[in-house]
Amino acid sequence: MNMTDKIIAQARSENRKALLESEAKSIIMEYGLTVPKFQLATNEKEAAKIAEEIGFPVVAKIVSPEIIHKSDAGGVKVGLKTAADVEAAYKTIIENAKKYNAKANLLGVLVMEMAPAGTEVIVGAIKDPQFGATIMFGLGGIFVEVLKDVTFKIAPVNIDEAKEMITGLKAAALLKGYRNTPAADIDALAQILVNVSKLLMEHPEIAELDLNPIMAYAKGTNTVDARIILE
């Protein structure tokens, strides 16, 4: 039984549809995606120690099966530069989460390396009742909300189809570099789509997947946030 099977089985045994962010990231790491370093802390001292090991600046996020939209709960703090910042953020995040949902099971706070800025892209997937697993690619941030510039393909997706999804965007030119932003690593982005396709084909119990944002660099990528929902 591989890591992905174990995580899904664990969630099933707890009657959870939504995987924790740490679980979703562990799964996509098993499928070859790069994510920022992260570790779960269960108290403020431990959070500060983890942050020092990872290296500043860091991000801190609430971990709770009942809190899916962490920002809405005041459960995210970014740009933490010192151990004292991290300890204070830990306390605030836990307090905010308790106010947001008094019944939520608070497992702790995820301390995560702050990924350098890059060109933001989004990869999503949904299980369509008619067509099966459908993968989406688009530019992230304001582009996905304002331009609604995304492409879709039914899984499985091969490397050529993945590149077509990327170059098929209306704003694909932005990935070739603009102003002070270098060109994005198209090969690395295409590989993410292929790897996500493989994950979906091997695990049909995944109903939804959302990787947003993925930071695309001149060489390589970093998936900052990951969400997986089971059927």
C-alpha atoms as a PDB file:
ATOM      1  CA  MET A   1       0.000   0.000   0.000  1.00  0.00           C
ATOM      2  CA  ASN A   2       1.562   3.289  -1.072  1.00  0.00           C
ATOM      3  CA  MET A   3       1.311   6.654   0.727  1.00  0.00           C
ATOM      4  CA  THR A   4      -1.666   7.833  -1.363  1.00  0.00           C
ATOM      5  CA  ASP A   5      -3.661   4.638  -0.644  1.00  0.00           C
ATOM      6  CA  LYS A   6      -2.903   4.969   3.078  1.00  0.00           C
ATOM      7  CA  ILE A   7      -3.989   8.636   3.226  1.00  0.00           C
ATOM      8  CA  ILE A   8      -7.234   7.956   1.350  1.00  0.00           C
ATOM      9  CA  ALA A   9      -7.986   4.892   3.504  1.00  0.00           C
ATOM     10  CA  GLN A  10      -7.367   6.949   6.674  1.00  0.00           C
ATOM     11  CA  ALA A  11      -9.739   9.712   5.513  1.00  0.00           C
ATOM     12  CA  ARG A  12     -12.372   7.123   4.581  1.00  0.00           C
ATOM     13  CA  SER A  13     -12.098   5.481   8.024  1.00  0.00           C
ATOM     14  CA  GLU A  14     -12.766   8.913   9.608  1.00  0.00           C
ATOM     15  CA  ASN A  15     -15.672   9.641   7.205  1.00  0.00           C
ATOM     16  CA  ARG A  16     -13.797  12.645   5.782  1.00  0.00           C
ATOM     17  CA  LYS A  17     -14.307  13.762   2.191  1.00  0.00           C
ATOM     18  CA  ALA A  18     -11.885  16.698   2.350  1.00  0.00           C
ATOM     19  CA  LEU A  19      -8.242  15.756   2.837  1.00  0.00           C
ATOM     20  CA  LEU A  20      -6.068  17.926   5.070  1.00  0.00           C
ATOM     21  CA  GLU A  21      -3.654  20.199   3.191  1.00  0.00           C
ATOM     22  CA  SER A  22      -0.712  18.176   4.541  1.00  0.00           C
ATOM     23  CA  GLU A  23      -2.330  14.986   3.195  1.00  0.00           C
ATOM     24  CA  ALA A  24      -3.058  16.513  -0.226  1.00  0.00           C
ATOM     25  CA  LYS A  25       0.523  17.757  -0.459  1.00  0.00           C
ATOM     26  CA  SER A  26       1.932  14.360   0.544  1.00  0.00           C
ATOM     27  CA  ILE A  27      -0.103  12.779  -2.276  1.00  0.00           C
ATOM     28  CA  ILE A  28       1.015  15.205  -4.976  1.00  0.00           C
ATOM     29  CA  MET A  29       4.632  14.862  -3.776  1.00  0.00           C
ATOM     30  CA  GLU A  30       4.288  11.105  -4.319  1.00  0.00           C
ATOM     31  CA  TYR A  31       3.232  11.973  -7.879  1.00  0.00           C
ATOM     32  CA  GLY A  32       6.351  14.041  -8.517  1.00  0.00           C
ATOM     33  CA  LEU A  33       5.173  17.588  -7.763  1.00  0.00           C
ATOM     34  CA  THR A  34       7.373  20.007  -5.829  1.00  0.00           C
ATOM     35  CA  VAL A  35       5.851  21.686  -2.774  1.00  0.00           C
ATOM     36  CA  PRO A  36       7.315  24.099  -0.196  1.00  0.00           C
ATOM     37  CA  LYS A  37       8.786  22.428   2.908  1.00  0.00           C
ATOM     38  CA  PHE A  38       6.117  21.994   5.588  1.00  0.00           C
ATOM     39  CA  GLN A  39       5.575  20.419   8.985  1.00  0.00           C
ATOM     40  CA  LEU A  40       2.699  20.250  11.472  1.00  0.00           C
ATOM     41  CA  ALA A  41       3.165  22.008  14.819  1.00  0.00           C
ATOM     42  CA  THR A  42       0.946  21.290  17.822  1.00  0.00           C
ATOM     43  CA  ASN A  43       2.103  24.187  20.025  1.00  0.00           C
ATOM     44  CA  GLU A  44       3.729  27.590  19.538  1.00  0.00           C
ATOM     45  CA  LYS A  45       7.235  26.544  20.685  1.00  0.00           C
ATOM     46  CA  GLU A  46       7.231  23.629  18.256  1.00  0.00           C
ATOM     47  CA  ALA A  47       6.011  25.987  15.487  1.00  0.00           C
ATOM     48  CA  ALA A  48       8.932  28.357  16.137  1.00  0.00           C
ATOM     49  CA  LYS A  49      11.430  25.451  16.141  1.00  0.00           C
ATOM     50  CA  ILE A  50      10.068  24.119  12.815  1.00  0.00           C
ATOM     51  CA  ALA A  51      10.227  27.620  11.305  1.00  0.00           C
ATOM     52  CA  GLU A  52      13.890  27.936  12.310  1.00  0.00           C
ATOM     53  CA  GLU A  53      14.643  24.547  10.709  1.00  0.00           C
ATOM     54  CA  ILE A  54      12.783  25.451   7.491  1.00  0.00           C
ATOM     55  CA  GLY A  55      14.235  28.972   7.331  1.00  0.00           C
ATOM     56  CA  PHE A  56      12.426  32.316   7.374  1.00  0.00           C
ATOM     57  CA  PRO A  57      10.140  33.716   6.069  1.00  0.00           C
ATOM     58  CA  VAL A  58       7.404  31.146   6.657  1.00  0.00           C
ATOM     59  CA  VAL A  59       3.628  30.827   6.345  1.00  0.00           C
ATOM     60  CA  ALA A  60       1.396  29.411   9.100  1.00  0.00           C
ATOM     61  CA  LYS A  61      -2.006  27.783   8.384  1.00  0.00           C
ATOM     62  CA  ILE A  62      -4.656  26.146  10.553  1.00  0.00           C
ATOM     63  CA  VAL A  63      -5.057  22.367  10.166  1.00  0.00           C
ATOM     64  CA  SER A  64      -8.587  21.136  10.841  1.00  0.00           C
ATOM     65  CA  PRO A  65     -10.855  18.697   8.990  1.00  0.00           C
ATOM     66  CA  GLU A  66     -13.778  21.065   9.646  1.00  0.00           C
ATOM     67  CA  ILE A  67     -12.082  24.229   8.325  1.00  0.00           C
ATOM     68  CA  ILE A  68     -11.694  24.026   4.548  1.00  0.00           C
ATOM     69  CA  HIS A  69     -11.534  27.760   3.781  1.00  0.00           C
ATOM     70  CA  LYS A  70      -8.670  28.702   6.085  1.00  0.00           C
ATOM     71  CA  SER A  71      -8.500  32.405   5.160  1.00  0.00           C
ATOM     72  CA  ASP A  72     -12.197  32.902   6.004  1.00  0.00           C
ATOM     73  CA  ALA A  73     -11.442  31.558   9.486  1.00  0.00           C
ATOM     74  CA  GLY A  74      -8.481  33.908  10.020  1.00  0.00           C
ATOM     75  CA  GLY A  75      -6.375  30.775   9.875  1.00  0.00           C
ATOM     76  CA  VAL A  76      -3.516  31.946   7.643  1.00  0.00           C
ATOM     77  CA  LYS A  77      -0.535  34.185   8.437  1.00  0.00           C
ATOM     78  CA  VAL A  78       2.148  34.907   5.823  1.00  0.00           C
ATOM     79  CA  GLY A  79       5.587  36.514   5.780  1.00  0.00           C
ATOM     80  CA  LEU A  80       6.555  35.497   9.326  1.00  0.00           C
ATOM     81  CA  LYS A  81      10.191  36.532   9.770  1.00  0.00           C
ATOM     82  CA  THR A  82      11.129  35.561  13.356  1.00  0.00           C
ATOM     83  CA  ALA A  83      10.452  32.865  15.949  1.00  0.00           C
ATOM     84  CA  ALA A  84       8.462  35.429  17.968  1.00  0.00           C
ATOM     85  CA  ASP A  85       6.305  36.174  14.885  1.00  0.00           C
ATOM     86  CA  VAL A  86       5.589  32.452  14.495  1.00  0.00           C
ATOM     87  CA  GLU A  87       4.670  31.952  18.169  1.00  0.00           C
ATOM     88  CA  ALA A  88       2.300  34.939  18.064  1.00  0.00           C
ATOM     89  CA  ALA A  89       0.795  33.739  14.765  1.00  0.00           C
ATOM     90  CA  TYR A  90       0.216  30.253  16.210  1.00  0.00           C
ATOM     91  CA  LYS A  91      -1.764  31.656  19.157  1.00  0.00           C
ATOM     92  CA  THR A  92      -3.796  34.021  16.939  1.00  0.00           C
ATOM     93  CA  ILE A  93      -4.609  31.310  14.380  1.00  0.00           C
ATOM     94  CA  ILE A  94      -5.854  28.892  17.077  1.00  0.00           C
ATOM     95  CA  GLU A  95      -7.943  31.664  18.726  1.00  0.00           C
ATOM     96  CA  ASN A  96      -9.442  32.695  15.366  1.00  0.00           C
ATOM     97  CA  ALA A  97     -10.252  29.083  14.481  1.00  0.00           C
ATOM     98  CA  LYS A  98     -12.046  28.525  17.808  1.00  0.00           C
ATOM     99  CA  LYS A  99     -14.143  31.669  17.223  1.00  0.00           C
ATOM    100  CA  TYR A 100     -14.900  30.580  13.656  1.00  0.00           C
ATOM    101  CA  ASN A 101     -15.991  27.051  14.601  1.00  0.00           C
ATOM    102  CA  ALA A 102     -16.105  26.152  18.285  1.00  0.00           C
ATOM    103  CA  LYS A 103     -16.709  22.480  17.442  1.00  0.00           C
ATOM    104  CA  ALA A 104     -13.819  22.145  14.970  1.00  0.00           C
ATOM    105  CA  ASN A 105     -11.130  19.582  15.725  1.00  0.00           C
ATOM    106  CA  LEU A 106      -7.941  21.692  15.671  1.00  0.00           C
ATOM    107  CA  LEU A 107      -4.986  19.415  14.854  1.00  0.00           C
ATOM    108  CA  GLY A 108      -2.438  22.223  14.973  1.00  0.00           C
ATOM    109  CA  VAL A 109      -0.796  24.669  12.589  1.00  0.00           C
ATOM    110  CA  LEU A 110       1.063  23.863   9.384  1.00  0.00           C
ATOM    111  CA  VAL A 111       4.352  25.790   9.233  1.00  0.00           C
ATOM    112  CA  MET A 112       5.438  26.149   5.623  1.00  0.00           C
ATOM    113  CA  GLU A 113       8.326  27.582   3.668  1.00  0.00           C
ATOM    114  CA  MET A 114       7.280  30.758   1.836  1.00  0.00           C
ATOM    115  CA  ALA A 115       7.730  30.030  -1.863  1.00  0.00           C
ATOM    116  CA  PRO A 116       9.438  32.748  -3.917  1.00  0.00           C
ATOM    117  CA  ALA A 117       7.073  34.682  -6.189  1.00  0.00           C
ATOM    118  CA  GLY A 118       6.689  33.369  -9.733  1.00  0.00           C
ATOM    119  CA  THR A 119       4.077  33.333 -12.461  1.00  0.00           C
ATOM    120  CA  GLU A 120       0.946  31.978 -10.761  1.00  0.00           C
ATOM    121  CA  VAL A 121      -0.940  29.174 -12.497  1.00  0.00           C
ATOM    122  CA  ILE A 122      -3.776  26.904 -11.404  1.00  0.00           C
ATOM    123  CA  VAL A 123      -4.412  23.224 -12.066  1.00  0.00           C
ATOM    124  CA  GLY A 124      -7.790  21.779 -11.185  1.00  0.00           C
ATOM    125  CA  ALA A 125      -9.734  18.595 -11.772  1.00  0.00           C
ATOM    126  CA  ILE A 126     -13.309  17.506 -11.373  1.00  0.00           C
ATOM    127  CA  LYS A 127     -15.021  14.194 -11.924  1.00  0.00           C
ATOM    128  CA  ASP A 128     -17.692  14.771 -14.565  1.00  0.00           C
ATOM    129  CA  PRO A 129     -20.545  12.211 -14.392  1.00  0.00           C
ATOM    130  CA  GLN A 130     -20.542  11.934 -18.194  1.00  0.00           C
ATOM    131  CA  PHE A 131     -16.861  12.252 -19.178  1.00  0.00           C
ATOM    132  CA  GLY A 132     -14.988  11.159 -16.052  1.00  0.00           C
ATOM    133  CA  ALA A 133     -11.922  12.990 -14.730  1.00  0.00           C
ATOM    134  CA  THR A 134     -11.537  16.381 -16.437  1.00  0.00           C
ATOM    135  CA  ILE A 135      -8.382  18.461 -15.912  1.00  0.00           C
ATOM    136  CA  MET A 136      -8.242  22.262 -16.031  1.00  0.00           C
ATOM    137  CA  PHE A 137      -5.265  24.580 -16.524  1.00  0.00           C
ATOM    138  CA  GLY A 138      -5.198  28.357 -16.263  1.00  0.00           C
ATOM    139  CA  LEU A 139      -3.256  31.381 -15.157  1.00  0.00           C
ATOM    140  CA  GLY A 140      -3.707  31.958 -11.438  1.00  0.00           C
ATOM    141  CA  GLY A 141      -4.396  34.996  -9.292  1.00  0.00           C
ATOM    142  CA  ILE A 142      -6.425  37.764 -10.889  1.00  0.00           C
ATOM    143  CA  PHE A 143      -6.282  36.099 -14.323  1.00  0.00           C
ATOM    144  CA  VAL A 144      -8.444  33.117 -13.384  1.00  0.00           C
ATOM    145  CA  GLU A 145     -11.049  35.346 -11.705  1.00  0.00           C
ATOM    146  CA  VAL A 146     -11.183  38.209 -14.197  1.00  0.00           C
ATOM    147  CA  LEU A 147     -10.255  36.656 -17.543  1.00  0.00           C
ATOM    148  CA  LYS A 148     -11.691  33.185 -16.843  1.00  0.00           C
ATOM    149  CA  ASP A 149      -8.919  32.035 -19.175  1.00  0.00           C
ATOM    150  CA  VAL A 150      -8.725  28.261 -18.693  1.00  0.00           C
ATOM    151  CA  THR A 151      -8.418  25.129 -20.830  1.00  0.00           C
ATOM    152  CA  PHE A 152      -9.881  21.662 -20.195  1.00  0.00           C
ATOM    153  CA  LYS A 153      -9.005  18.108 -21.213  1.00  0.00           C
ATOM    154  CA  ILE A 154     -10.437  14.720 -20.272  1.00  0.00           C
ATOM    155  CA  ALA A 155      -7.907  12.441 -18.549  1.00  0.00           C
ATOM    156  CA  PRO A 156      -5.675  10.658 -19.380  1.00  0.00           C
ATOM    157  CA  VAL A 157      -3.511  13.517 -20.676  1.00  0.00           C
ATOM    158  CA  ASN A 158      -0.159  12.899 -22.389  1.00  0.00           C
ATOM    159  CA  ILE A 159       2.733  15.360 -22.580  1.00  0.00           C
ATOM    160  CA  ASP A 160       1.749  16.758 -26.005  1.00  0.00           C
ATOM    161  CA  GLU A 161      -1.863  17.271 -24.914  1.00  0.00           C
ATOM    162  CA  ALA A 162      -0.617  18.934 -21.723  1.00  0.00           C
ATOM    163  CA  LYS A 163       1.464  21.408 -23.745  1.00  0.00           C
ATOM    164  CA  GLU A 164      -1.584  22.111 -25.954  1.00  0.00           C
ATOM    165  CA  MET A 165      -3.581  22.959 -22.815  1.00  0.00           C
ATOM    166  CA  ILE A 166      -0.899  25.457 -21.793  1.00  0.00           C
ATOM    167  CA  THR A 167      -0.391  27.099 -25.191  1.00  0.00           C
ATOM    168  CA  GLY A 168      -4.168  27.094 -25.770  1.00  0.00           C
ATOM    169  CA  LEU A 169      -4.721  29.842 -23.184  1.00  0.00           C
ATOM    170  CA  LYS A 170      -5.679  33.253 -24.588  1.00  0.00           C
ATOM    171  CA  ALA A 171      -2.989  34.777 -22.364  1.00  0.00           C
ATOM    172  CA  ALA A 172      -0.381  32.056 -23.067  1.00  0.00           C
ATOM    173  CA  ALA A 173       2.047  34.822 -24.128  1.00  0.00           C
ATOM    174  CA  LEU A 174       2.334  35.802 -20.442  1.00  0.00           C
ATOM    175  CA  LEU A 175       4.042  32.445 -19.797  1.00  0.00           C
ATOM    176  CA  LYS A 176       6.729  33.355 -22.335  1.00  0.00           C
ATOM    177  CA  GLY A 177       7.953  36.160 -20.084  1.00  0.00           C
ATOM    178  CA  TYR A 178       6.838  39.770 -19.653  1.00  0.00           C
ATOM    179  CA  ARG A 179       8.376  42.903 -18.124  1.00  0.00           C
ATOM    180  CA  ASN A 180      10.660  41.673 -15.324  1.00  0.00           C
ATOM    181  CA  THR A 181       9.085  38.203 -15.209  1.00  0.00           C
ATOM    182  CA  PRO A 182      11.087  35.402 -16.849  1.00  0.00           C
ATOM    183  CA  ALA A 183       9.464  32.818 -19.110  1.00  0.00           C
ATOM    184  CA  ALA A 184       7.791  29.975 -17.207  1.00  0.00           C
ATOM    185  CA  ASP A 185       9.099  26.410 -17.450  1.00  0.00           C
ATOM    186  CA  ILE A 186       6.476  25.006 -19.870  1.00  0.00           C
ATOM    187  CA  ASP A 187       7.973  21.493 -19.716  1.00  0.00           C
ATOM    188  CA  ALA A 188       7.646  21.418 -15.916  1.00  0.00           C
ATOM    189  CA  LEU A 189       4.042  22.693 -16.096  1.00  0.00           C
ATOM    190  CA  ALA A 190       3.143  20.084 -18.730  1.00  0.00           C
ATOM    191  CA  GLN A 191       4.643  17.371 -16.502  1.00  0.00           C
ATOM    192  CA  ILE A 192       2.377  18.495 -13.631  1.00  0.00           C
ATOM    193  CA  LEU A 193      -0.685  17.994 -15.876  1.00  0.00           C
ATOM    194  CA  VAL A 194       0.544  14.524 -16.899  1.00  0.00           C
ATOM    195  CA  ASN A 195       1.253  13.567 -13.265  1.00  0.00           C
ATOM    196  CA  VAL A 196      -2.133  14.867 -12.066  1.00  0.00           C
ATOM    197  CA  SER A 197      -3.773  12.891 -14.884  1.00  0.00           C
ATOM    198  CA  LYS A 198      -1.970   9.748 -13.648  1.00  0.00           C
ATOM    199  CA  LEU A 199      -3.134  10.410 -10.063  1.00  0.00           C
ATOM    200  CA  LEU A 200      -6.759  10.763 -11.208  1.00  0.00           C
ATOM    201  CA  MET A 201      -6.669   7.634 -13.358  1.00  0.00           C
ATOM    202  CA  GLU A 202      -5.131   5.564 -10.544  1.00  0.00           C
ATOM    203  CA  HIS A 203      -7.480   6.998  -7.887  1.00  0.00           C
ATOM    204  CA  PRO A 204     -10.992   7.375  -9.330  1.00  0.00           C
ATOM    205  CA  GLU A 205     -12.269   8.058  -5.797  1.00  0.00           C
ATOM    206  CA  ILE A 206     -10.902  11.632  -6.122  1.00  0.00           C
ATOM    207  CA  ALA A 207     -13.890  13.871  -6.942  1.00  0.00           C
ATOM    208  CA  GLU A 208     -12.095  17.238  -6.982  1.00  0.00           C
ATOM    209  CA  LEU A 209      -8.528  18.516  -6.991  1.00  0.00           C
ATOM    210  CA  ASP A 210      -7.362  22.116  -6.769  1.00  0.00           C
ATOM    211  CA  LEU A 211      -3.710  23.198  -6.956  1.00  0.00           C
ATOM    212  CA  ASN A 212      -3.742  26.956  -6.578  1.00  0.00           C
ATOM    213  CA  PRO A 213      -1.436  28.721  -6.778  1.00  0.00           C
ATOM    214  CA  ILE A 214       1.393  26.884  -8.465  1.00  0.00           C
ATOM    215  CA  MET A 215       4.414  29.176  -8.799  1.00  0.00           C
ATOM    216  CA  ALA A 216       6.058  28.696 -12.198  1.00  0.00           C
ATOM    217  CA  TYR A 217       9.700  29.707 -12.488  1.00  0.00           C
ATOM    218  CA  ALA A 218      12.254  29.853 -15.311  1.00  0.00           C
ATOM    219  CA  LYS A 219      13.243  26.396 -14.084  1.00  0.00           C
ATOM    220  CA  GLY A 220      10.779  24.263 -12.162  1.00  0.00           C
ATOM    221  CA  THR A 221       7.600  24.937 -10.199  1.00  0.00           C
ATOM    222  CA  ASN A 222       6.346  25.019  -6.601  1.00  0.00           C
ATOM    223  CA  THR A 223       2.778  24.047  -5.646  1.00  0.00           C
ATOM    224  CA  VAL A 224       1.900  26.359  -2.771  1.00  0.00           C
ATOM    225  CA  ASP A 225      -1.603  25.124  -1.956  1.00  0.00           C
ATOM    226  CA  ALA A 226      -3.342  21.805  -2.606  1.00  0.00           C
ATOM    227  CA  ARG A 227      -6.901  20.643  -1.980  1.00  0.00           C
ATOM    228  CA  ILE A 228      -8.323  17.181  -2.655  1.00  0.00           C
ATOM    229  CA  ILE A 229     -11.952  16.136  -2.136  1.00  0.00           C
ATOM    230  CA  LEU A 230     -12.971  12.464  -2.210  1.00  0.00           C
ATOM    231  CA  GLU A 231     -16.266  11.134  -3.537  1.00  0.00           C
END
